[in-house]
Protein backbone atom coordinates (compact mmCIF):
# COMPACT_ATOMS: atom_id res chain seq x y z
CA MET A 1 -5.62 -17.16 -4.80
CA PHE A 2 -3.80 -18.77 -1.87
CA ASP A 3 -3.63 -15.68 0.33
CA PHE A 4 -5.92 -17.34 2.90
CA ILE A 5 -3.28 -20.05 3.41
CA GLY A 6 -0.75 -17.29 4.03
CA ASP A 7 -3.12 -15.74 6.59
CA ILE A 8 -3.35 -19.10 8.36
CA GLU A 9 0.42 -19.51 8.30
CA ARG A 10 0.97 -16.05 9.75
CA PHE A 11 -1.57 -16.74 12.50
CA VAL A 12 0.09 -20.03 13.38
CA ALA A 13 3.61 -18.57 13.27
CA GLN A 14 2.79 -15.53 15.36
CA ASN A 15 0.29 -16.95 17.85
CA LEU A 16 0.64 -20.73 18.07
CA TYR A 17 4.30 -21.47 17.33
CA PRO A 18 5.55 -19.67 20.47
CA LEU A 19 3.21 -22.00 22.44
CA ARG A 20 4.25 -25.14 20.55
CA VAL A 21 5.30 -27.15 23.63
CA PRO A 22 2.04 -26.86 25.62
CA ILE A 23 0.05 -27.28 22.38
CA ALA A 24 1.95 -30.50 21.56
CA ILE A 25 1.24 -31.85 25.04
CA ALA A 26 -2.45 -30.97 24.70
CA LEU A 27 -2.65 -32.67 21.29
CA ALA A 28 -0.97 -35.81 22.61
CA LEU A 29 -3.45 -35.99 25.47
CA SER A 30 -6.35 -35.38 23.07
CA VAL A 31 -5.24 -38.18 20.73
CA GLY A 32 -4.88 -40.52 23.68
CA GLY A 33 -8.34 -39.59 24.94
CA LEU A 34 -9.87 -40.08 21.51
CA ALA A 35 -8.25 -43.51 21.17
CA TRP A 36 -9.61 -44.54 24.58
CA LEU A 37 -13.11 -43.30 23.62
CA ALA A 38 -12.98 -45.22 20.32
CA TYR A 39 -11.99 -48.37 22.18
CA ARG A 40 -14.72 -47.99 24.79
CA ARG A 41 -17.44 -47.35 22.21
CA ARG A 42 -16.16 -50.01 19.81
CA TRP A 43 -15.95 -47.72 16.80
CA ASP A 44 -14.02 -50.49 15.08
CA ARG A 45 -17.32 -52.32 14.65
CA VAL A 46 -18.66 -49.44 12.55
CA LEU A 47 -15.61 -49.58 10.31
CA ARG A 48 -15.89 -53.33 9.86
CA ALA A 49 -19.58 -52.96 9.06
CA HIS A 50 -18.77 -50.65 6.12
CA PRO A 51 -15.42 -51.92 4.78
CA ARG A 52 -15.65 -50.39 1.30
CA GLY A 53 -16.56 -46.94 2.56
CA SER A 54 -13.84 -47.09 5.20
CA VAL A 55 -11.17 -48.10 2.68
CA ALA A 56 -12.31 -45.46 0.16
CA ALA A 57 -12.19 -42.72 2.81
CA LEU A 58 -8.71 -43.84 3.87
CA VAL A 59 -7.41 -43.87 0.26
CA VAL A 60 -8.81 -40.41 -0.49
CA GLY A 61 -7.35 -39.05 2.73
CA LEU A 62 -3.90 -40.43 1.91
CA VAL A 63 -3.94 -39.33 -1.75
CA VAL A 64 -4.89 -35.77 -0.84
CA GLY A 65 -3.29 -35.43 2.56
CA LEU A 66 0.17 -36.88 2.05
CA PRO A 67 1.26 -34.68 -0.91
CA LEU A 68 -0.20 -31.59 0.75
CA ALA A 69 1.49 -32.40 4.06
CA TRP A 70 4.81 -32.95 2.26
CA TYR A 71 4.56 -29.70 0.28
CA LEU A 72 3.73 -27.62 3.35
CA GLY A 73 5.70 -29.50 5.98
CA SER A 74 8.90 -30.69 4.29
CA PRO A 75 10.53 -27.20 4.39
CA LEU A 76 10.56 -27.47 8.18
CA PHE A 77 13.33 -30.06 8.06
CA ILE A 78 14.87 -29.65 4.57
CA THR A 79 17.68 -27.15 4.08
CA THR A 80 19.90 -26.39 1.08
CA ARG A 81 23.38 -24.87 1.02
CA LEU A 82 25.24 -22.90 -1.69
CA GLN A 83 28.62 -21.18 -1.50
CA GLU A 84 29.33 -18.86 -4.44
CA ALA A 85 32.45 -16.72 -4.85
CA PRO A 86 32.06 -12.94 -4.39
CA PRO A 87 31.36 -11.00 -7.59
CA SER A 88 34.30 -9.65 -9.59
CA ILE A 89 34.78 -5.91 -9.15
CA ALA A 90 35.94 -3.76 -12.07
CA ALA A 91 39.53 -2.51 -11.73
CA SER A 92 38.44 1.10 -12.19
CA LEU A 93 36.28 0.81 -9.07
CA ASP A 94 38.79 -1.07 -6.91
CA PRO A 95 41.73 1.06 -5.68
CA ALA A 96 43.63 -2.08 -4.69
CA ALA A 97 43.50 -3.35 -8.25
CA THR A 98 46.24 -0.96 -9.50
CA PRO A 99 49.20 -1.48 -7.13
CA ALA A 100 51.76 -0.95 -9.90
CA ALA A 101 50.54 2.56 -10.66
CA THR A 102 50.52 3.46 -6.98
CA SER A 103 54.04 2.19 -6.30
CA ALA A 104 55.38 3.88 -9.41
CA ALA A 105 54.01 7.25 -8.37
CA THR A 106 55.35 7.13 -4.82
CA PRO A 107 59.12 7.64 -5.51
CA ALA A 108 58.43 10.52 -7.86
CA ALA A 109 56.29 12.26 -5.26
CA ALA A 110 59.04 11.84 -2.68
CA THR A 111 61.67 13.34 -5.04
CA ASP A 112 59.51 16.34 -5.93
CA SER A 113 58.69 17.09 -2.31
CA PRO A 114 61.89 16.64 -0.25
CA SER A 115 60.60 18.98 2.46
CA ALA A 116 57.51 16.89 3.18
CA SER A 117 57.25 16.15 6.86
CA PRO A 118 56.48 12.70 8.31
CA GLY A 119 53.20 14.04 9.65
CA ALA A 120 51.92 15.25 6.28
CA ALA A 121 48.42 14.18 5.32
CA THR A 122 48.14 11.11 3.13
CA ALA A 123 45.50 10.26 0.56
CA SER A 124 42.31 8.77 2.00
CA PRO A 125 41.05 5.43 0.67
CA ALA A 126 38.57 5.83 -2.15
CA ALA A 127 34.95 5.90 -0.99
CA PRO A 128 32.69 3.12 -2.25
CA PRO A 129 30.66 4.06 -5.32
CA LEU A 130 27.41 5.89 -4.59
CA GLY A 131 24.61 3.39 -4.21
CA GLU A 132 26.46 0.57 -2.44
CA ARG A 133 24.29 -0.57 0.47
CA THR A 134 24.33 -3.21 3.19
CA GLY A 135 21.91 -4.64 5.74
CA THR A 136 21.39 -7.42 8.29
CA PHE A 137 18.62 -9.97 7.87
CA VAL A 138 15.91 -10.37 10.51
CA GLY A 139 13.10 -12.92 10.48
CA ALA A 140 9.44 -11.99 10.24
CA ASP A 141 8.76 -13.77 13.54
CA GLU A 142 10.08 -16.57 15.77
CA PHE A 143 9.08 -19.22 13.23
CA HIS A 144 10.23 -17.39 10.08
CA PHE A 145 13.80 -16.78 11.25
CA GLY A 146 16.45 -15.09 9.11
CA ARG A 147 20.06 -14.05 9.66
CA GLY A 148 23.09 -12.97 7.68
CA THR A 149 24.11 -9.96 5.61
CA ALA A 150 22.89 -8.49 2.34
CA ARG A 151 25.24 -6.30 0.26
CA ILE A 152 24.63 -4.43 -2.97
CA ILE A 153 28.06 -4.23 -4.63
CA SER A 154 29.15 -2.14 -7.61
CA THR A 155 30.82 -4.43 -10.15
CA GLY A 156 31.29 -1.93 -12.98
CA GLU A 157 29.92 1.21 -14.53
CA GLY A 158 26.20 1.00 -13.82
CA ALA A 159 26.47 -2.69 -12.87
CA TRP A 160 25.38 -4.00 -9.47
CA THR A 161 25.22 -7.35 -7.70
CA LEU A 162 23.26 -8.30 -4.59
CA ARG A 163 25.25 -10.68 -2.38
CA PHE A 164 24.01 -12.79 0.53
CA GLU A 165 26.70 -13.61 3.11
CA ASP A 166 26.60 -15.95 6.16
CA PHE A 167 22.93 -16.34 5.29
CA SER A 168 20.33 -18.68 6.79
CA VAL A 169 16.53 -18.63 6.63
CA ARG A 170 13.60 -20.93 7.38
CA ASN A 171 12.85 -22.95 4.27
CA GLY A 172 9.44 -22.66 2.66
CA PRO A 173 7.52 -23.20 -0.57
CA ASP A 174 7.99 -20.84 -3.51
CA LEU A 175 10.55 -18.49 -1.92
CA PHE A 176 11.74 -15.53 -4.01
CA VAL A 177 14.18 -12.65 -3.50
CA TYR A 178 13.07 -9.03 -3.94
CA LEU A 179 14.47 -5.53 -3.59
CA SER A 180 11.80 -3.38 -1.98
CA PRO A 181 11.35 0.39 -1.69
CA ASP A 182 9.95 -0.24 1.80
CA ALA A 183 12.54 -0.56 4.59
CA GLN A 184 10.15 -2.87 6.49
CA GLY A 185 10.01 -5.48 3.74
CA PHE A 186 7.89 -6.37 0.74
CA GLY A 187 5.85 -3.52 -0.70
CA PRO A 188 4.54 -1.94 -3.92
CA GLY A 189 7.24 -1.50 -6.54
CA ALA A 190 9.37 -4.41 -5.27
CA LEU A 191 11.84 -5.76 -7.85
CA GLU A 192 11.89 -9.54 -8.26
CA LEU A 193 15.40 -11.01 -8.66
CA GLY A 194 14.54 -14.69 -8.85
CA THR A 195 13.98 -17.74 -6.68
CA LEU A 196 15.94 -18.09 -3.45
CA LYS A 197 19.03 -20.09 -4.43
CA ALA A 198 19.52 -21.78 -1.05
CA THR A 199 18.44 -21.54 2.57
CA ASP A 200 22.05 -21.29 3.78
CA GLY A 201 25.39 -20.01 2.52
CA ALA A 202 26.61 -17.15 0.33
CA PHE A 203 25.44 -16.35 -3.21
CA ASN A 204 24.83 -13.55 -5.70
CA TYR A 205 22.07 -11.97 -7.77
CA VAL A 206 22.99 -9.70 -10.68
CA LEU A 207 20.66 -6.69 -10.75
CA PRO A 208 18.96 -5.92 -14.07
CA ALA A 209 20.72 -3.34 -16.22
CA GLY A 210 19.68 0.20 -15.39
CA THR A 211 18.66 -0.60 -11.80
CA ASP A 212 19.27 2.24 -9.35
CA PRO A 213 20.01 0.56 -5.99
CA GLY A 214 19.49 3.85 -4.17
CA THR A 215 15.73 3.57 -4.76
CA PHE A 216 15.47 0.35 -2.72
CA HIS A 217 15.57 0.15 1.06
CA SER A 218 15.38 -3.55 1.90
CA VAL A 219 16.13 -7.04 0.60
CA VAL A 220 13.22 -9.43 1.11
CA VAL A 221 12.78 -13.21 1.14
CA TRP A 222 9.12 -13.67 0.23
CA CYS A 223 6.84 -16.67 -0.23
CA LYS A 224 5.29 -15.73 -3.56
CA GLN A 225 2.51 -18.31 -3.65
CA PHE A 226 1.10 -17.61 -0.18
CA ALA A 227 2.17 -13.94 0.15
CA VAL A 228 4.18 -14.46 3.36
CA GLN A 229 7.36 -12.58 4.30
CA PHE A 230 10.06 -14.84 5.74
CA ALA A 231 12.91 -12.35 6.30
CA HIS A 232 14.15 -8.92 5.26
CA ALA A 233 17.32 -6.85 5.53
CA PRO A 234 16.90 -3.05 5.83
CA LEU A 235 19.55 -1.39 3.65
CA SER A 236 21.73 1.57 4.56
CA PRO A 237 24.69 3.24 2.75
């Protein structure tokens, strides 16, 4: 329904925002020229000649324009911050979670193998569970910036959590988080995880039970109402 607003936003972000300084100068000059023209032609007389119509037009403009301007413009200068602790990882998946068992086994191994040489191979650290993925956020354009890291972490048998770390993104209306099968961002089959918790910080999203993280190739911050991508993080093992 509001896709046309998203098209306008994308056009402004990609084509006009990079030229914001000369455009601002041109607008300032235009406003000054219009004010001079109004003064020279005494447009104030027309307004005074129709006071009721002038006041009604002003009231309607304020009632409609101010809320709309606040809804669309306030994200430009409002940010939110959240700092959540990392998700708990099941002991069976975390080799460092069983130090007692490791230390208990070491003396026995040394006794049974007195001829072991100092250069003998040692056990390699356990590989992360299949499906764990990570990626770095990039913005959709200069206006819709995004930075930080996305990590899909195994927290138990078949349990996964998406974590945002050192994250920051341009604020916007109706922002949601998705896992997408498309490495370039939002696409068909994207999995909605909920509203964006904050524009800055570190926080978690628990993936629905039965989710296979290996089928998704990016994390996306998406404006749901206007269908605009703000940032995405391509995922790799």
